[in-house]
């Protein structure tokens, strides 16, 4: 797990989705929507919104019914107000 996830200001659900994806990878499982849904505790609508949030930050890419977790160096980090 990359600690950078906590610096992005994501929603609780978005962060939770990342943690689920990281856990699936650690367990050697495929990042299929089916595997994610088996661990997801919120609504399917919230899952869709969370996927879109992670996509918007370049954290995941959706390929068919699978999610690809992108390397942290490719994530889009919002600029901090100065």
C-alpha atoms as a PDB file:
ATOM      1  CA  UNK A   1       0.000   0.000   0.000  1.00  0.00           C
ATOM      2  CA  UNK A   2       1.278   3.415  -0.894  1.00  0.00           C
ATOM      3  CA  UNK A   3       0.796   5.905   1.958  1.00  0.00           C
ATOM      4  CA  UNK A   4       0.393   8.637  -0.678  1.00  0.00           C
ATOM      5  CA  UNK A   5      -3.273   7.573  -0.899  1.00  0.00           C
ATOM      6  CA  UNK A   6      -3.949   9.437   2.352  1.00  0.00           C
ATOM      7  CA  UNK A   7      -2.540  12.708   0.971  1.00  0.00           C
ATOM      8  CA  UNK A   8      -4.993  13.005  -1.913  1.00  0.00           C
ATOM      9  CA  UNK A   9      -8.040  14.145   0.054  1.00  0.00           C
ATOM     10  CA  UNK A  10     -10.195  11.343  -1.327  1.00  0.00           C
ATOM     11  CA  UNK A  11     -13.605  10.469   0.056  1.00  0.00           C
ATOM     12  CA  UNK A  12     -13.813   7.720   2.666  1.00  0.00           C
ATOM     13  CA  UNK A  13     -15.356   5.439   0.041  1.00  0.00           C
ATOM     14  CA  UNK A  14     -12.634   6.222  -2.504  1.00  0.00           C
ATOM     15  CA  UNK A  15      -9.918   5.454   0.015  1.00  0.00           C
ATOM     16  CA  UNK A  16     -11.762   2.287   1.047  1.00  0.00           C
ATOM     17  CA  UNK A  17     -11.914   1.142  -2.562  1.00  0.00           C
ATOM     18  CA  UNK A  18      -8.169   1.660  -2.929  1.00  0.00           C
ATOM     19  CA  UNK A  19      -7.578  -0.395   0.233  1.00  0.00           C
ATOM     20  CA  UNK A  20      -9.806  -3.177  -1.134  1.00  0.00           C
ATOM     21  CA  UNK A  21      -7.880  -3.188  -4.412  1.00  0.00           C
ATOM     22  CA  UNK A  22      -4.546  -3.257  -2.599  1.00  0.00           C
ATOM     23  CA  UNK A  23      -5.772  -6.109  -0.412  1.00  0.00           C
ATOM     24  CA  UNK A  24      -6.930  -8.114  -3.431  1.00  0.00           C
ATOM     25  CA  UNK A  25      -3.514  -7.664  -5.049  1.00  0.00           C
ATOM     26  CA  UNK A  26      -1.771  -8.722  -1.836  1.00  0.00           C
ATOM     27  CA  UNK A  27      -3.933 -11.854  -1.788  1.00  0.00           C
ATOM     28  CA  UNK A  28      -2.992 -12.601  -5.412  1.00  0.00           C
ATOM     29  CA  UNK A  29      -6.543 -12.109  -6.637  1.00  0.00           C
ATOM     30  CA  UNK A  30      -7.759 -10.539  -9.848  1.00  0.00           C
ATOM     31  CA  UNK A  31      -9.045  -6.964  -9.574  1.00  0.00           C
ATOM     32  CA  UNK A  32     -12.347  -7.889 -11.168  1.00  0.00           C
ATOM     33  CA  UNK A  33     -15.523  -6.032 -10.326  1.00  0.00           C
ATOM     34  CA  UNK A  34     -16.883  -9.338  -9.013  1.00  0.00           C
ATOM     35  CA  UNK A  35     -14.026  -9.653  -6.506  1.00  0.00           C
ATOM     36  CA  UNK A  36     -14.357  -6.007  -5.491  1.00  0.00           C
ATOM     37  CA  UNK A  37     -18.129  -6.281  -4.997  1.00  0.00           C
ATOM     38  CA  UNK A  38     -17.595  -9.288  -2.708  1.00  0.00           C
ATOM     39  CA  UNK A  39     -15.720  -6.988  -0.298  1.00  0.00           C
ATOM     40  CA  UNK A  40     -17.613  -3.733  -0.920  1.00  0.00           C
ATOM     41  CA  UNK A  41     -19.995  -2.833   1.910  1.00  0.00           C
ATOM     42  CA  UNK A  42     -21.720   0.199   0.359  1.00  0.00           C
ATOM     43  CA  UNK A  43     -24.179   0.535  -2.532  1.00  0.00           C
ATOM     44  CA  UNK A  44     -23.305  -0.275  -6.117  1.00  0.00           C
ATOM     45  CA  UNK A  45     -23.927   3.390  -6.981  1.00  0.00           C
ATOM     46  CA  UNK A  46     -21.318   4.413  -4.401  1.00  0.00           C
ATOM     47  CA  UNK A  47     -18.907   1.851  -5.845  1.00  0.00           C
ATOM     48  CA  UNK A  48     -19.357   3.388  -9.288  1.00  0.00           C
ATOM     49  CA  UNK A  49     -18.739   6.876  -7.867  1.00  0.00           C
ATOM     50  CA  UNK A  50     -15.650   5.654  -6.034  1.00  0.00           C
ATOM     51  CA  UNK A  51     -14.265   4.050  -9.180  1.00  0.00           C
ATOM     52  CA  UNK A  52     -14.818   7.327 -11.035  1.00  0.00           C
ATOM     53  CA  UNK A  53     -13.081   9.222  -8.238  1.00  0.00           C
ATOM     54  CA  UNK A  54     -10.044   6.940  -8.404  1.00  0.00           C
ATOM     55  CA  UNK A  55     -10.043   7.165 -12.205  1.00  0.00           C
ATOM     56  CA  UNK A  56     -10.057  10.947 -11.946  1.00  0.00           C
ATOM     57  CA  UNK A  57      -6.884  10.816  -9.869  1.00  0.00           C
ATOM     58  CA  UNK A  58      -5.211   8.326 -12.207  1.00  0.00           C
ATOM     59  CA  UNK A  59      -5.181   5.670  -9.474  1.00  0.00           C
ATOM     60  CA  UNK A  60      -7.165   3.070 -11.394  1.00  0.00           C
ATOM     61  CA  UNK A  61      -8.006   2.326 -14.975  1.00  0.00           C
ATOM     62  CA  UNK A  62     -11.115   0.368 -15.926  1.00  0.00           C
ATOM     63  CA  UNK A  63     -10.561  -2.305 -18.566  1.00  0.00           C
ATOM     64  CA  UNK A  64     -13.738  -4.244 -19.260  1.00  0.00           C
ATOM     65  CA  UNK A  65     -14.835  -5.756 -15.947  1.00  0.00           C
ATOM     66  CA  UNK A  66     -11.417  -5.345 -14.370  1.00  0.00           C
ATOM     67  CA  UNK A  67      -9.599  -2.543 -12.608  1.00  0.00           C
ATOM     68  CA  UNK A  68      -5.908  -1.830 -13.048  1.00  0.00           C
ATOM     69  CA  UNK A  69      -4.131  -0.201 -10.143  1.00  0.00           C
ATOM     70  CA  UNK A  70      -1.718   2.403 -11.491  1.00  0.00           C
ATOM     71  CA  UNK A  71       1.689   3.108  -9.906  1.00  0.00           C
ATOM     72  CA  UNK A  72       1.649   5.956  -7.375  1.00  0.00           C
ATOM     73  CA  UNK A  73       4.099   7.984  -9.474  1.00  0.00           C
ATOM     74  CA  UNK A  74       1.322   8.299 -12.083  1.00  0.00           C
ATOM     75  CA  UNK A  75      -1.375   9.497  -9.675  1.00  0.00           C
ATOM     76  CA  UNK A  76      -2.770  12.989 -10.096  1.00  0.00           C
ATOM     77  CA  UNK A  77      -2.127  14.903  -6.901  1.00  0.00           C
ATOM     78  CA  UNK A  78      -4.228  18.047  -6.391  1.00  0.00           C
ATOM     79  CA  UNK A  79      -2.308  21.257  -5.879  1.00  0.00           C
ATOM     80  CA  UNK A  80      -2.354  22.551  -2.340  1.00  0.00           C
ATOM     81  CA  UNK A  81      -3.542  26.096  -1.704  1.00  0.00           C
ATOM     82  CA  UNK A  82      -0.712  28.355  -0.711  1.00  0.00           C
END
